[in-house]
PDB file of N, CA and C in Angstrom:
ATOM      1  N   MET A   1     -22.414  -2.080   4.893  1.00  0.00           N
ATOM      2  CA  MET A   1     -21.332  -1.140   4.652  1.00  0.00           C
ATOM      3  C   MET A   1     -20.252  -1.814   3.820  1.00  0.00           C
ATOM      4  N   ALA A   2     -19.123  -1.167   3.700  1.00  0.00           N
ATOM      5  CA  ALA A   2     -18.078  -1.608   2.776  1.00  0.00           C
ATOM      6  C   ALA A   2     -16.911  -2.284   3.494  1.00  0.00           C
ATOM      7  N   THR A   3     -16.171  -3.068   2.725  1.00  0.00           N
ATOM      8  CA  THR A   3     -14.909  -3.625   3.188  1.00  0.00           C
ATOM      9  C   THR A   3     -13.793  -2.790   2.573  1.00  0.00           C
ATOM     10  N   VAL A   4     -12.901  -2.288   3.429  1.00  0.00           N
ATOM     11  CA  VAL A   4     -11.822  -1.406   2.990  1.00  0.00           C
ATOM     12  C   VAL A   4     -10.484  -2.010   3.419  1.00  0.00           C
ATOM     13  N   LEU A   5      -9.596  -2.175   2.455  1.00  0.00           N
ATOM     14  CA  LEU A   5      -8.234  -2.652   2.715  1.00  0.00           C
ATOM     15  C   LEU A   5      -7.316  -1.459   2.843  1.00  0.00           C
ATOM     16  N   THR A   6      -6.597  -1.380   3.958  1.00  0.00           N
ATOM     17  CA  THR A   6      -5.595  -0.335   4.156  1.00  0.00           C
ATOM     18  C   THR A   6      -4.221  -0.977   4.056  1.00  0.00           C
ATOM     19  N   ILE A   7      -3.381  -0.426   3.179  1.00  0.00           N
ATOM     20  CA  ILE A   7      -2.007  -0.917   3.006  1.00  0.00           C
ATOM     21  C   ILE A   7      -1.071   0.198   3.439  1.00  0.00           C
ATOM     22  N   ASP A   8      -0.371  -0.019   4.551  1.00  0.00           N
ATOM     23  CA  ASP A   8       0.525   0.996   5.107  1.00  0.00           C
ATOM     24  C   ASP A   8       1.553   0.298   5.980  1.00  0.00           C
ATOM     25  N   ASP A   9       2.777   0.794   5.977  1.00  0.00           N
ATOM     26  CA  ASP A   9       3.829   0.182   6.787  1.00  0.00           C
ATOM     27  C   ASP A   9       3.877   0.742   8.204  1.00  0.00           C
ATOM     28  N   ASP A  10       3.015   1.688   8.526  1.00  0.00           N
ATOM     29  CA  ASP A  10       2.987   2.324   9.847  1.00  0.00           C
ATOM     30  C   ASP A  10       1.832   1.735  10.665  1.00  0.00           C
ATOM     31  N   ASP A  11       2.188   0.981  11.715  1.00  0.00           N
ATOM     32  CA  ASP A  11       1.166   0.331  12.545  1.00  0.00           C
ATOM     33  C   ASP A  11       0.224   1.334  13.208  1.00  0.00           C
ATOM     34  N   THR A  12       0.722   2.520  13.536  1.00  0.00           N
ATOM     35  CA  THR A  12      -0.123   3.544  14.149  1.00  0.00           C
ATOM     36  C   THR A  12      -1.207   3.991  13.172  1.00  0.00           C
ATOM     37  N   ILE A  13      -0.833   4.213  11.926  1.00  0.00           N
ATOM     38  CA  ILE A  13      -1.803   4.603  10.899  1.00  0.00           C
ATOM     39  C   ILE A  13      -2.808   3.477  10.685  1.00  0.00           C
ATOM     40  N   LEU A  14      -2.323   2.242  10.595  1.00  0.00           N
ATOM     41  CA  LEU A  14      -3.228   1.106  10.403  1.00  0.00           C
ATOM     42  C   LEU A  14      -4.254   1.022  11.524  1.00  0.00           C
ATOM     43  N   SER A  15      -3.813   1.182  12.763  1.00  0.00           N
ATOM     44  CA  SER A  15      -4.725   1.125  13.909  1.00  0.00           C
ATOM     45  C   SER A  15      -5.727   2.268  13.892  1.00  0.00           C
ATOM     46  N   MET A  16      -5.256   3.469  13.575  1.00  0.00           N
ATOM     47  CA  MET A  16      -6.126   4.639  13.549  1.00  0.00           C
ATOM     48  C   MET A  16      -7.185   4.502  12.453  1.00  0.00           C
ATOM     49  N   VAL A  17      -6.754   4.129  11.247  1.00  0.00           N
ATOM     50  CA  VAL A  17      -7.696   3.987  10.137  1.00  0.00           C
ATOM     51  C   VAL A  17      -8.691   2.869  10.434  1.00  0.00           C
ATOM     52  N   GLU A  18      -8.214   1.775  10.999  1.00  0.00           N
ATOM     53  CA  GLU A  18      -9.109   0.668  11.352  1.00  0.00           C
ATOM     54  C   GLU A  18     -10.189   1.131  12.331  1.00  0.00           C
ATOM     55  N   ALA A  19      -9.799   1.898  13.338  1.00  0.00           N
ATOM     56  CA  ALA A  19     -10.763   2.396  14.319  1.00  0.00           C
ATOM     57  C   ALA A  19     -11.784   3.330  13.664  1.00  0.00           C
ATOM     58  N   ILE A  20     -11.327   4.215  12.786  1.00  0.00           N
ATOM     59  CA  ILE A  20     -12.227   5.148  12.094  1.00  0.00           C
ATOM     60  C   ILE A  20     -13.220   4.373  11.223  1.00  0.00           C
ATOM     61  N   LEU A  21     -12.698   3.413  10.468  1.00  0.00           N
ATOM     62  CA  LEU A  21     -13.556   2.643   9.575  1.00  0.00           C
ATOM     63  C   LEU A  21     -14.593   1.826  10.335  1.00  0.00           C
ATOM     64  N   GLU A  22     -14.149   1.158  11.387  1.00  0.00           N
ATOM     65  CA  GLU A  22     -15.074   0.317  12.151  1.00  0.00           C
ATOM     66  C   GLU A  22     -16.123   1.150  12.879  1.00  0.00           C
ATOM     67  N   LYS A  23     -15.744   2.308  13.387  1.00  0.00           N
ATOM     68  CA  LYS A  23     -16.703   3.199  14.033  1.00  0.00           C
ATOM     69  C   LYS A  23     -17.767   3.660  13.039  1.00  0.00           C
ATOM     70  N   ALA A  24     -17.362   3.805  11.772  1.00  0.00           N
ATOM     71  CA  ALA A  24     -18.291   4.233  10.717  1.00  0.00           C
ATOM     72  C   ALA A  24     -19.108   3.060  10.164  1.00  0.00           C
ATOM     73  N   GLY A  25     -18.839   1.847  10.654  1.00  0.00           N
ATOM     74  CA  GLY A  25     -19.606   0.694  10.236  1.00  0.00           C
ATOM     75  C   GLY A  25     -19.003  -0.111   9.103  1.00  0.00           C
ATOM     76  N   HIS A  26     -17.808   0.244   8.681  1.00  0.00           N
ATOM     77  CA  HIS A  26     -17.140  -0.487   7.609  1.00  0.00           C
ATOM     78  C   HIS A  26     -16.336  -1.652   8.186  1.00  0.00           C
ATOM     79  N   THR A  27     -16.044  -2.625   7.350  1.00  0.00           N
ATOM     80  CA  THR A  27     -15.143  -3.712   7.715  1.00  0.00           C
ATOM     81  C   THR A  27     -13.741  -3.303   7.280  1.00  0.00           C
ATOM     82  N   SER A  28     -12.796  -3.397   8.198  1.00  0.00           N
ATOM     83  CA  SER A  28     -11.419  -2.991   7.930  1.00  0.00           C
ATOM     84  C   SER A  28     -10.522  -4.207   7.823  1.00  0.00           C
ATOM     85  N   VAL A  29      -9.720  -4.229   6.763  1.00  0.00           N
ATOM     86  CA  VAL A  29      -8.693  -5.248   6.576  1.00  0.00           C
ATOM     87  C   VAL A  29      -7.380  -4.485   6.432  1.00  0.00           C
ATOM     88  N   CYS A  30      -6.325  -4.956   7.100  1.00  0.00           N
ATOM     89  CA  CYS A  30      -5.052  -4.235   7.093  1.00  0.00           C
ATOM     90  C   CYS A  30      -3.926  -5.091   6.539  1.00  0.00           C
ATOM     91  N   ALA A  31      -3.019  -4.425   5.814  1.00  0.00           N
ATOM     92  CA  ALA A  31      -1.798  -5.054   5.323  1.00  0.00           C
ATOM     93  C   ALA A  31      -0.640  -4.141   5.675  1.00  0.00           C
ATOM     94  N   SER A  32       0.445  -4.727   6.175  1.00  0.00           N
ATOM     95  CA  SER A  32       1.575  -3.922   6.636  1.00  0.00           C
ATOM     96  C   SER A  32       2.631  -3.685   5.563  1.00  0.00           C
ATOM     97  N   GLY A  33       2.296  -3.937   4.317  1.00  0.00           N
ATOM     98  CA  GLY A  33       3.224  -3.679   3.230  1.00  0.00           C
ATOM     99  C   GLY A  33       2.577  -3.991   1.894  1.00  0.00           C
ATOM    100  N   GLY A  34       3.244  -3.561   0.828  1.00  0.00           N
ATOM    101  CA  GLY A  34       2.688  -3.713  -0.507  1.00  0.00           C
ATOM    102  C   GLY A  34       2.461  -5.152  -0.920  1.00  0.00           C
ATOM    103  N   GLN A  35       3.437  -6.004  -0.707  1.00  0.00           N
ATOM    104  CA  GLN A  35       3.301  -7.407  -1.116  1.00  0.00           C
ATOM    105  C   GLN A  35       2.174  -8.087  -0.360  1.00  0.00           C
ATOM    106  N   GLN A  36       2.094  -7.844   0.951  1.00  0.00           N
ATOM    107  CA  GLN A  36       1.014  -8.434   1.740  1.00  0.00           C
ATOM    108  C   GLN A  36      -0.341  -7.920   1.245  1.00  0.00           C
ATOM    109  N   GLY A  37      -0.419  -6.655   0.911  1.00  0.00           N
ATOM    110  CA  GLY A  37      -1.659  -6.086   0.395  1.00  0.00           C
ATOM    111  C   GLY A  37      -2.091  -6.745  -0.903  1.00  0.00           C
ATOM    112  N   LEU A  38      -1.139  -6.967  -1.816  1.00  0.00           N
ATOM    113  CA  LEU A  38      -1.457  -7.623  -3.081  1.00  0.00           C
ATOM    114  C   LEU A  38      -1.936  -9.055  -2.865  1.00  0.00           C
ATOM    115  N   GLU A  39      -1.373  -9.739  -1.885  1.00  0.00           N
ATOM    116  CA  GLU A  39      -1.805 -11.102  -1.579  1.00  0.00           C
ATOM    117  C   GLU A  39      -3.226 -11.101  -1.015  1.00  0.00           C
ATOM    118  N   ILE A  40      -3.502 -10.181  -0.109  1.00  0.00           N
ATOM    119  CA  ILE A  40      -4.829 -10.101   0.506  1.00  0.00           C
ATOM    120  C   ILE A  40      -5.891  -9.797  -0.539  1.00  0.00           C
ATOM    121  N   VAL A  41      -5.610  -8.858  -1.426  1.00  0.00           N
ATOM    122  CA  VAL A  41      -6.617  -8.422  -2.398  1.00  0.00           C
ATOM    123  C   VAL A  41      -6.967  -9.538  -3.391  1.00  0.00           C
ATOM    124  N   GLN A  42      -6.069 -10.465  -3.607  1.00  0.00           N
ATOM    125  CA  GLN A  42      -6.371 -11.585  -4.506  1.00  0.00           C
ATOM    126  C   GLN A  42      -7.402 -12.534  -3.899  1.00  0.00           C
ATOM    127  N   ASP A  43      -7.369 -12.701  -2.590  1.00  0.00           N
ATOM    128  CA  ASP A  43      -8.279 -13.626  -1.912  1.00  0.00           C
ATOM    129  C   ASP A  43      -9.556 -12.959  -1.412  1.00  0.00           C
ATOM    130  N   ASN A  44      -9.467 -11.710  -1.033  1.00  0.00           N
ATOM    131  CA  ASN A  44     -10.600 -11.005  -0.432  1.00  0.00           C
ATOM    132  C   ASN A  44     -10.724  -9.633  -1.072  1.00  0.00           C
ATOM    133  N   GLN A  45     -11.429  -9.548  -2.170  1.00  0.00           N
ATOM    134  CA  GLN A  45     -11.509  -8.270  -2.870  1.00  0.00           C
ATOM    135  C   GLN A  45     -12.325  -7.257  -2.084  1.00  0.00           C
ATOM    136  N   PRO A  46     -11.673  -6.170  -1.688  1.00  0.00           N
ATOM    137  CA  PRO A  46     -12.365  -5.124  -0.929  1.00  0.00           C
ATOM    138  C   PRO A  46     -13.163  -4.210  -1.855  1.00  0.00           C
ATOM    139  N   ASP A  47     -13.989  -3.375  -1.245  1.00  0.00           N
ATOM    140  CA  ASP A  47     -14.750  -2.379  -1.996  1.00  0.00           C
ATOM    141  C   ASP A  47     -13.883  -1.170  -2.339  1.00  0.00           C
ATOM    142  N   ALA A  48     -12.844  -0.938  -1.548  1.00  0.00           N
ATOM    143  CA  ALA A  48     -11.910   0.164  -1.779  1.00  0.00           C
ATOM    144  C   ALA A  48     -10.587  -0.161  -1.094  1.00  0.00           C
ATOM    145  N   ILE A  49      -9.535   0.501  -1.566  1.00  0.00           N
ATOM    146  CA  ILE A  49      -8.202   0.320  -0.991  1.00  0.00           C
ATOM    147  C   ILE A  49      -7.635   1.687  -0.628  1.00  0.00           C
ATOM    148  N   LEU A  50      -7.115   1.784   0.588  1.00  0.00           N
ATOM    149  CA  LEU A  50      -6.360   2.956   1.050  1.00  0.00           C
ATOM    150  C   LEU A  50      -4.896   2.551   0.989  1.00  0.00           C
ATOM    151  N   LEU A  51      -4.088   3.304   0.263  1.00  0.00           N
ATOM    152  CA  LEU A  51      -2.726   2.870  -0.044  1.00  0.00           C
ATOM    153  C   LEU A  51      -1.703   3.947   0.276  1.00  0.00           C
ATOM    154  N   ASP A  52      -0.770   3.602   1.157  1.00  0.00           N
ATOM    155  CA  ASP A  52       0.345   4.499   1.466  1.00  0.00           C
ATOM    156  C   ASP A  52       1.286   4.544   0.264  1.00  0.00           C
ATOM    157  N   ARG A  53       1.854   5.701   0.022  1.00  0.00           N
ATOM    158  CA  ARG A  53       2.733   5.858  -1.142  1.00  0.00           C
ATOM    159  C   ARG A  53       4.172   5.441  -0.838  1.00  0.00           C
ATOM    160  N   LYS A  54       4.661   5.755   0.347  1.00  0.00           N
ATOM    161  CA  LYS A  54       6.061   5.459   0.679  1.00  0.00           C
ATOM    162  C   LYS A  54       6.132   4.303   1.664  1.00  0.00           C
ATOM    163  N   MET A  55       6.587   3.156   1.148  1.00  0.00           N
ATOM    164  CA  MET A  55       6.768   1.965   1.975  1.00  0.00           C
ATOM    165  C   MET A  55       8.056   1.285   1.524  1.00  0.00           C
ATOM    166  N   PRO A  56       8.712   0.561   2.432  1.00  0.00           N
ATOM    167  CA  PRO A  56       9.918  -0.176   2.034  1.00  0.00           C
ATOM    168  C   PRO A  56       9.553  -1.381   1.156  1.00  0.00           C
ATOM    169  N   GLN A  57      10.496  -1.950   0.504  1.00  0.00           N
ATOM    170  CA  GLN A  57      10.369  -3.087  -0.405  1.00  0.00           C
ATOM    171  C   GLN A  57       9.531  -2.746  -1.634  1.00  0.00           C
ATOM    172  N   MET A  58       8.243  -2.478  -1.466  1.00  0.00           N
ATOM    173  CA  MET A  58       7.365  -2.175  -2.592  1.00  0.00           C
ATOM    174  C   MET A  58       6.573  -0.922  -2.249  1.00  0.00           C
ATOM    175  N   ASP A  59       6.826   0.168  -2.988  1.00  0.00           N
ATOM    176  CA  ASP A  59       6.126   1.411  -2.663  1.00  0.00           C
ATOM    177  C   ASP A  59       4.701   1.403  -3.228  1.00  0.00           C
ATOM    178  N   GLY A  60       3.930   2.379  -2.792  1.00  0.00           N
ATOM    179  CA  GLY A  60       2.531   2.452  -3.180  1.00  0.00           C
ATOM    180  C   GLY A  60       2.318   2.606  -4.671  1.00  0.00           C
ATOM    181  N   ASN A  61       3.202   3.332  -5.344  1.00  0.00           N
ATOM    182  CA  ASN A  61       3.057   3.478  -6.793  1.00  0.00           C
ATOM    183  C   ASN A  61       3.162   2.117  -7.488  1.00  0.00           C
ATOM    184  N   GLN A  62       4.104   1.296  -7.056  1.00  0.00           N
ATOM    185  CA  GLN A  62       4.263  -0.034  -7.657  1.00  0.00           C
ATOM    186  C   GLN A  62       3.048  -0.911  -7.359  1.00  0.00           C
ATOM    187  N   VAL A  63       2.543  -0.829  -6.140  1.00  0.00           N
ATOM    188  CA  VAL A  63       1.335  -1.586  -5.792  1.00  0.00           C
ATOM    189  C   VAL A  63       0.175  -1.145  -6.681  1.00  0.00           C
ATOM    190  N   LEU A  64       0.029   0.160  -6.844  1.00  0.00           N
ATOM    191  CA  LEU A  64      -1.040   0.706  -7.674  1.00  0.00           C
ATOM    192  C   LEU A  64      -0.915   0.224  -9.120  1.00  0.00           C
ATOM    193  N   ILE A  65       0.286   0.239  -9.660  1.00  0.00           N
ATOM    194  CA  ILE A  65       0.521  -0.245 -11.021  1.00  0.00           C
ATOM    195  C   ILE A  65       0.090  -1.705 -11.149  1.00  0.00           C
ATOM    196  N   GLU A  66       0.462  -2.519 -10.171  1.00  0.00           N
ATOM    197  CA  GLU A  66       0.106  -3.941 -10.217  1.00  0.00           C
ATOM    198  C   GLU A  66      -1.396  -4.152 -10.076  1.00  0.00           C
ATOM    199  N   LEU A  67      -2.032  -3.386  -9.198  1.00  0.00           N
ATOM    200  CA  LEU A  67      -3.490  -3.498  -9.037  1.00  0.00           C
ATOM    201  C   LEU A  67      -4.211  -3.154 -10.329  1.00  0.00           C
ATOM    202  N   LYS A  68      -3.795  -2.073 -10.979  1.00  0.00           N
ATOM    203  CA  LYS A  68      -4.468  -1.607 -12.189  1.00  0.00           C
ATOM    204  C   LYS A  68      -4.155  -2.491 -13.405  1.00  0.00           C
ATOM    205  N   ALA A  69      -3.045  -3.230 -13.378  1.00  0.00           N
ATOM    206  CA  ALA A  69      -2.678  -4.115 -14.481  1.00  0.00           C
ATOM    207  C   ALA A  69      -3.370  -5.474 -14.393  1.00  0.00           C
ATOM    208  N   ASP A  70      -3.943  -5.793 -13.251  1.00  0.00           N
ATOM    209  CA  ASP A  70      -4.570  -7.093 -13.025  1.00  0.00           C
ATOM    210  C   ASP A  70      -6.069  -6.992 -13.292  1.00  0.00           C
ATOM    211  N   GLU A  71      -6.552  -7.803 -14.198  1.00  0.00           N
ATOM    212  CA  GLU A  71      -7.967  -7.794 -14.572  1.00  0.00           C
ATOM    213  C   GLU A  71      -8.886  -8.015 -13.366  1.00  0.00           C
ATOM    214  N   LYS A  72      -8.415  -8.777 -12.404  1.00  0.00           N
ATOM    215  CA  LYS A  72      -9.213  -9.103 -11.222  1.00  0.00           C
ATOM    216  C   LYS A  72      -9.344  -7.917 -10.260  1.00  0.00           C
ATOM    217  N   THR A  73      -8.360  -7.005 -10.255  1.00  0.00           N
ATOM    218  CA  THR A  73      -8.339  -5.913  -9.268  1.00  0.00           C
ATOM    219  C   THR A  73      -8.384  -4.516  -9.873  1.00  0.00           C
ATOM    220  N   CYS A  74      -8.384  -4.419 -11.187  1.00  0.00           N
ATOM    221  CA  CYS A  74      -8.235  -3.111 -11.839  1.00  0.00           C
ATOM    222  C   CYS A  74      -9.385  -2.140 -11.562  1.00  0.00           C
ATOM    223  N   ASP A  75     -10.559  -2.654 -11.222  1.00  0.00           N
ATOM    224  CA  ASP A  75     -11.708  -1.772 -10.993  1.00  0.00           C
ATOM    225  C   ASP A  75     -11.918  -1.382  -9.525  1.00  0.00           C
ATOM    226  N   ILE A  76     -11.076  -1.883  -8.633  1.00  0.00           N
ATOM    227  CA  ILE A  76     -11.194  -1.515  -7.217  1.00  0.00           C
ATOM    228  C   ILE A  76     -10.685  -0.089  -7.057  1.00  0.00           C
ATOM    229  N   PRO A  77     -11.505   0.817  -6.504  1.00  0.00           N
ATOM    230  CA  PRO A  77     -11.031   2.189  -6.322  1.00  0.00           C
ATOM    231  C   PRO A  77      -9.911   2.262  -5.277  1.00  0.00           C
ATOM    232  N   VAL A  78      -8.866   3.010  -5.613  1.00  0.00           N
ATOM    233  CA  VAL A  78      -7.710   3.158  -4.736  1.00  0.00           C
ATOM    234  C   VAL A  78      -7.568   4.628  -4.352  1.00  0.00           C
ATOM    235  N   ILE A  79      -7.491   4.871  -3.059  1.00  0.00           N
ATOM    236  CA  ILE A  79      -7.234   6.205  -2.521  1.00  0.00           C
ATOM    237  C   ILE A  79      -5.840   6.185  -1.921  1.00  0.00           C
ATOM    238  N   MET A  80      -4.978   7.068  -2.395  1.00  0.00           N
ATOM    239  CA  MET A  80      -3.647   7.182  -1.821  1.00  0.00           C
ATOM    240  C   MET A  80      -3.775   7.904  -0.476  1.00  0.00           C
ATOM    241  N   LEU A  81      -3.112   7.400   0.519  1.00  0.00           N
ATOM    242  CA  LEU A  81      -3.140   7.957   1.872  1.00  0.00           C
ATOM    243  C   LEU A  81      -1.688   8.148   2.276  1.00  0.00           C
ATOM    244  N   THR A  82      -1.177   9.382   2.134  1.00  0.00           N
ATOM    245  CA  THR A  82       0.267   9.557   2.228  1.00  0.00           C
ATOM    246  C   THR A  82       0.664  10.927   2.745  1.00  0.00           C
ATOM    247  N   GLY A  83       1.897  11.053   3.155  1.00  0.00           N
ATOM    248  CA  GLY A  83       2.415  12.319   3.641  1.00  0.00           C
ATOM    249  C   GLY A  83       2.934  13.221   2.542  1.00  0.00           C
ATOM    250  N   ASP A  84       3.013  12.723   1.315  1.00  0.00           N
ATOM    251  CA  ASP A  84       3.502  13.514   0.187  1.00  0.00           C
ATOM    252  C   ASP A  84       2.392  14.429  -0.308  1.00  0.00           C
ATOM    253  N   SER A  85       2.638  15.739  -0.272  1.00  0.00           N
ATOM    254  CA  SER A  85       1.581  16.673  -0.661  1.00  0.00           C
ATOM    255  C   SER A  85       1.928  17.495  -1.905  1.00  0.00           C
ATOM    256  N   GLY A  86       3.061  17.239  -2.515  1.00  0.00           N
ATOM    257  CA  GLY A  86       3.453  17.998  -3.698  1.00  0.00           C
ATOM    258  C   GLY A  86       2.540  17.709  -4.879  1.00  0.00           C
ATOM    259  N   ILE A  87       2.304  18.708  -5.705  1.00  0.00           N
ATOM    260  CA  ILE A  87       1.403  18.559  -6.849  1.00  0.00           C
ATOM    261  C   ILE A  87       1.885  17.468  -7.800  1.00  0.00           C
ATOM    262  N   ASN A  88       3.207  17.315  -7.940  1.00  0.00           N
ATOM    263  CA  ASN A  88       3.728  16.251  -8.801  1.00  0.00           C
ATOM    264  C   ASN A  88       3.445  14.875  -8.224  1.00  0.00           C
ATOM    265  N   ASP A  89       3.488  14.755  -6.892  1.00  0.00           N
ATOM    266  CA  ASP A  89       3.176  13.483  -6.233  1.00  0.00           C
ATOM    267  C   ASP A  89       1.722  13.118  -6.466  1.00  0.00           C
ATOM    268  N   VAL A  90       0.835  14.096  -6.276  1.00  0.00           N
ATOM    269  CA  VAL A  90      -0.594  13.878  -6.467  1.00  0.00           C
ATOM    270  C   VAL A  90      -0.866  13.490  -7.917  1.00  0.00           C
ATOM    271  N   SER A  91      -0.323  14.263  -8.843  1.00  0.00           N
ATOM    272  CA  SER A  91      -0.551  14.012 -10.267  1.00  0.00           C
ATOM    273  C   SER A  91      -0.063  12.624 -10.685  1.00  0.00           C
ATOM    274  N   ALA A  92       1.095  12.234 -10.191  1.00  0.00           N
ATOM    275  CA  ALA A  92       1.644  10.920 -10.548  1.00  0.00           C
ATOM    276  C   ALA A  92       0.709   9.801 -10.118  1.00  0.00           C
ATOM    277  N   CYS A  93       0.183   9.893  -8.914  1.00  0.00           N
ATOM    278  CA  CYS A  93      -0.713   8.844  -8.417  1.00  0.00           C
ATOM    279  C   CYS A  93      -2.032   8.817  -9.182  1.00  0.00           C
ATOM    280  N   LEU A  94      -2.575   9.978  -9.485  1.00  0.00           N
ATOM    281  CA  LEU A  94      -3.821  10.034 -10.240  1.00  0.00           C
ATOM    282  C   LEU A  94      -3.619   9.482 -11.652  1.00  0.00           C
ATOM    283  N   GLU A  95      -2.473   9.775 -12.254  1.00  0.00           N
ATOM    284  CA  GLU A  95      -2.174   9.255 -13.584  1.00  0.00           C
ATOM    285  C   GLU A  95      -2.022   7.737 -13.577  1.00  0.00           C
ATOM    286  N   LEU A  96      -1.558   7.178 -12.459  1.00  0.00           N
ATOM    287  CA  LEU A  96      -1.406   5.729 -12.349  1.00  0.00           C
ATOM    288  C   LEU A  96      -2.734   5.025 -12.073  1.00  0.00           C
ATOM    289  N   GLY A  97      -3.773   5.792 -11.747  1.00  0.00           N
ATOM    290  CA  GLY A  97      -5.084   5.177 -11.570  1.00  0.00           C
ATOM    291  C   GLY A  97      -5.746   5.372 -10.222  1.00  0.00           C
ATOM    292  N   ALA A  98      -5.088   6.083  -9.306  1.00  0.00           N
ATOM    293  CA  ALA A  98      -5.737   6.360  -8.016  1.00  0.00           C
ATOM    294  C   ALA A  98      -6.949   7.260  -8.262  1.00  0.00           C
ATOM    295  N   ILE A  99      -7.985   7.067  -7.468  1.00  0.00           N
ATOM    296  CA  ILE A  99      -9.209   7.847  -7.628  1.00  0.00           C
ATOM    297  C   ILE A  99      -9.224   9.096  -6.748  1.00  0.00           C
ATOM    298  N   ASP A 100      -8.403   9.090  -5.685  1.00  0.00           N
ATOM    299  CA  ASP A 100      -8.309  10.245  -4.796  1.00  0.00           C
ATOM    300  C   ASP A 100      -6.965  10.184  -4.082  1.00  0.00           C
ATOM    301  N   TYR A 101      -6.647  11.269  -3.364  1.00  0.00           N
ATOM    302  CA  TYR A 101      -5.344  11.417  -2.728  1.00  0.00           C
ATOM    303  C   TYR A 101      -5.560  12.179  -1.428  1.00  0.00           C
ATOM    304  N   ILE A 102      -5.348  11.524  -0.300  1.00  0.00           N
ATOM    305  CA  ILE A 102      -5.540  12.152   1.014  1.00  0.00           C
ATOM    306  C   ILE A 102      -4.177  12.274   1.692  1.00  0.00           C
ATOM    307  N   VAL A 103      -3.865  13.489   2.130  1.00  0.00           N
ATOM    308  CA  VAL A 103      -2.568  13.755   2.756  1.00  0.00           C
ATOM    309  C   VAL A 103      -2.662  13.563   4.266  1.00  0.00           C
ATOM    310  N   LYS A 104      -1.679  12.809   4.818  1.00  0.00           N
ATOM    311  CA  LYS A 104      -1.565  12.628   6.267  1.00  0.00           C
ATOM    312  C   LYS A 104      -0.810  13.825   6.850  1.00  0.00           C
ATOM    313  N   PRO A 105      -1.123  14.260   8.040  1.00  0.00           N
ATOM    314  CA  PRO A 105      -2.270  13.846   8.855  1.00  0.00           C
ATOM    315  C   PRO A 105      -3.566  14.390   8.244  1.00  0.00           C
ATOM    316  N   PHE A 106      -4.655  13.706   8.496  1.00  0.00           N
ATOM    317  CA  PHE A 106      -5.917  14.078   7.878  1.00  0.00           C
ATOM    318  C   PHE A 106      -7.007  14.244   8.928  1.00  0.00           C
ATOM    319  N   ASN A 107      -8.028  14.994   8.560  1.00  0.00           N
ATOM    320  CA  ASN A 107      -9.202  15.184   9.394  1.00  0.00           C
ATOM    321  C   ASN A 107     -10.107  13.965   9.229  1.00  0.00           C
ATOM    322  N   HIS A 108     -10.556  13.372  10.321  1.00  0.00           N
ATOM    323  CA  HIS A 108     -11.344  12.139  10.274  1.00  0.00           C
ATOM    324  C   HIS A 108     -12.640  12.308   9.483  1.00  0.00           C
ATOM    325  N   ASP A 109     -13.341  13.410   9.704  1.00  0.00           N
ATOM    326  CA  ASP A 109     -14.609  13.628   9.002  1.00  0.00           C
ATOM    327  C   ASP A 109     -14.383  13.783   7.502  1.00  0.00           C
ATOM    328  N   ASN A 110     -13.370  14.554   7.132  1.00  0.00           N
ATOM    329  CA  ASN A 110     -13.051  14.728   5.719  1.00  0.00           C
ATOM    330  C   ASN A 110     -12.653  13.396   5.094  1.00  0.00           C
ATOM    331  N   PHE A 111     -11.878  12.621   5.817  1.00  0.00           N
ATOM    332  CA  PHE A 111     -11.450  11.299   5.358  1.00  0.00           C
ATOM    333  C   PHE A 111     -12.667  10.427   5.053  1.00  0.00           C
ATOM    334  N   LEU A 112     -13.615  10.360   5.980  1.00  0.00           N
ATOM    335  CA  LEU A 112     -14.803   9.527   5.773  1.00  0.00           C
ATOM    336  C   LEU A 112     -15.686  10.057   4.648  1.00  0.00           C
ATOM    337  N   THR A 113     -15.801  11.363   4.543  1.00  0.00           N
ATOM    338  CA  THR A 113     -16.595  11.949   3.463  1.00  0.00           C
ATOM    339  C   THR A 113     -16.022  11.566   2.105  1.00  0.00           C
ATOM    340  N   ARG A 114     -14.717  11.660   1.987  1.00  0.00           N
ATOM    341  CA  ARG A 114     -14.077  11.329   0.707  1.00  0.00           C
ATOM    342  C   ARG A 114     -14.156   9.837   0.413  1.00  0.00           C
ATOM    343  N   LEU A 115     -13.990   9.006   1.439  1.00  0.00           N
ATOM    344  CA  LEU A 115     -14.121   7.564   1.251  1.00  0.00           C
ATOM    345  C   LEU A 115     -15.556   7.216   0.845  1.00  0.00           C
ATOM    346  N   ASP A 116     -16.527   7.788   1.526  1.00  0.00           N
ATOM    347  CA  ASP A 116     -17.933   7.507   1.207  1.00  0.00           C
ATOM    348  C   ASP A 116     -18.262   7.939  -0.221  1.00  0.00           C
ATOM    349  N   ARG A 117     -17.696   9.043  -0.674  1.00  0.00           N
ATOM    350  CA  ARG A 117     -17.916   9.515  -2.045  1.00  0.00           C
ATOM    351  C   ARG A 117     -17.408   8.476  -3.035  1.00  0.00           C
ATOM    352  N   VAL A 118     -16.247   7.920  -2.762  1.00  0.00           N
ATOM    353  CA  VAL A 118     -15.667   6.879  -3.629  1.00  0.00           C
ATOM    354  C   VAL A 118     -16.527   5.626  -3.592  1.00  0.00           C
ATOM    355  N   LEU A 119     -16.965   5.244  -2.416  1.00  0.00           N
ATOM    356  CA  LEU A 119     -17.794   4.029  -2.290  1.00  0.00           C
ATOM    357  C   LEU A 119     -19.149   4.204  -2.959  1.00  0.00           C
ATOM    358  N   ASP A 120     -19.724   5.401  -2.878  1.00  0.00           N
ATOM    359  CA  ASP A 120     -21.005   5.666  -3.531  1.00  0.00           C
ATOM    360  C   ASP A 120     -20.895   5.566  -5.051  1.00  0.00           C
ATOM    361  N   LYS A 121     -19.765   5.983  -5.611  1.00  0.00           N
ATOM    362  CA  LYS A 121     -19.536   5.902  -7.051  1.00  0.00           C
ATOM    363  C   LYS A 121     -19.486   4.452  -7.502  1.00  0.00           C
ATOM    364  N   ASP A 122     -19.000   3.600  -6.598  1.00  0.00           N
ATOM    365  CA  ASP A 122     -18.768   2.197  -6.927  1.00  0.00           C
ATOM    366  C   ASP A 122     -20.061   1.389  -6.935  1.00  0.00           C
ATOM    367  N   GLU A 123     -21.102   1.897  -6.320  1.00  0.00           N
ATOM    368  CA  GLU A 123     -22.369   1.125  -6.224  1.00  0.00           C
ATOM    369  C   GLU A 123     -23.154   1.163  -7.505  1.00  0.00           C
TER     370      GLU A 123
END
C-alpha cells in the first residue's frame, strides 16, 4: 500500500485520518504544521500528501507552493483537506497544483475512494 503524509494543525483530524489510512492498509505519517510537513517530506517522500489549507505560521497554500517549486517534491500528488468549500478556495488550490480538494467534515468511504484514485494515477 501507500505512504501518506497528512499535514494539519488539528490533532483530532490527524488522529482520525491516521486511523482511516491504517485501517485501509496505508502507512500514515503526520505533521502538525506546514514547516514540519516540509521537513518530513524532504527525508521521507510519501506517495501522496493530505494538506490542510488553514494553519498558523505557514498555511496550506504556501506549503503547496513550496512543494511544487521543489524538484524533489513537485510530482507528489497533493490533496487539500480543508473546511473551506467556496469555489474560489477550490480553484485557487487546484491552480497552485493540488490534484483534488476534500472538504471537512468528510465521508470516510468517499475520502478513501478519492485517495485511491490519486494513488492509482501515480502508479
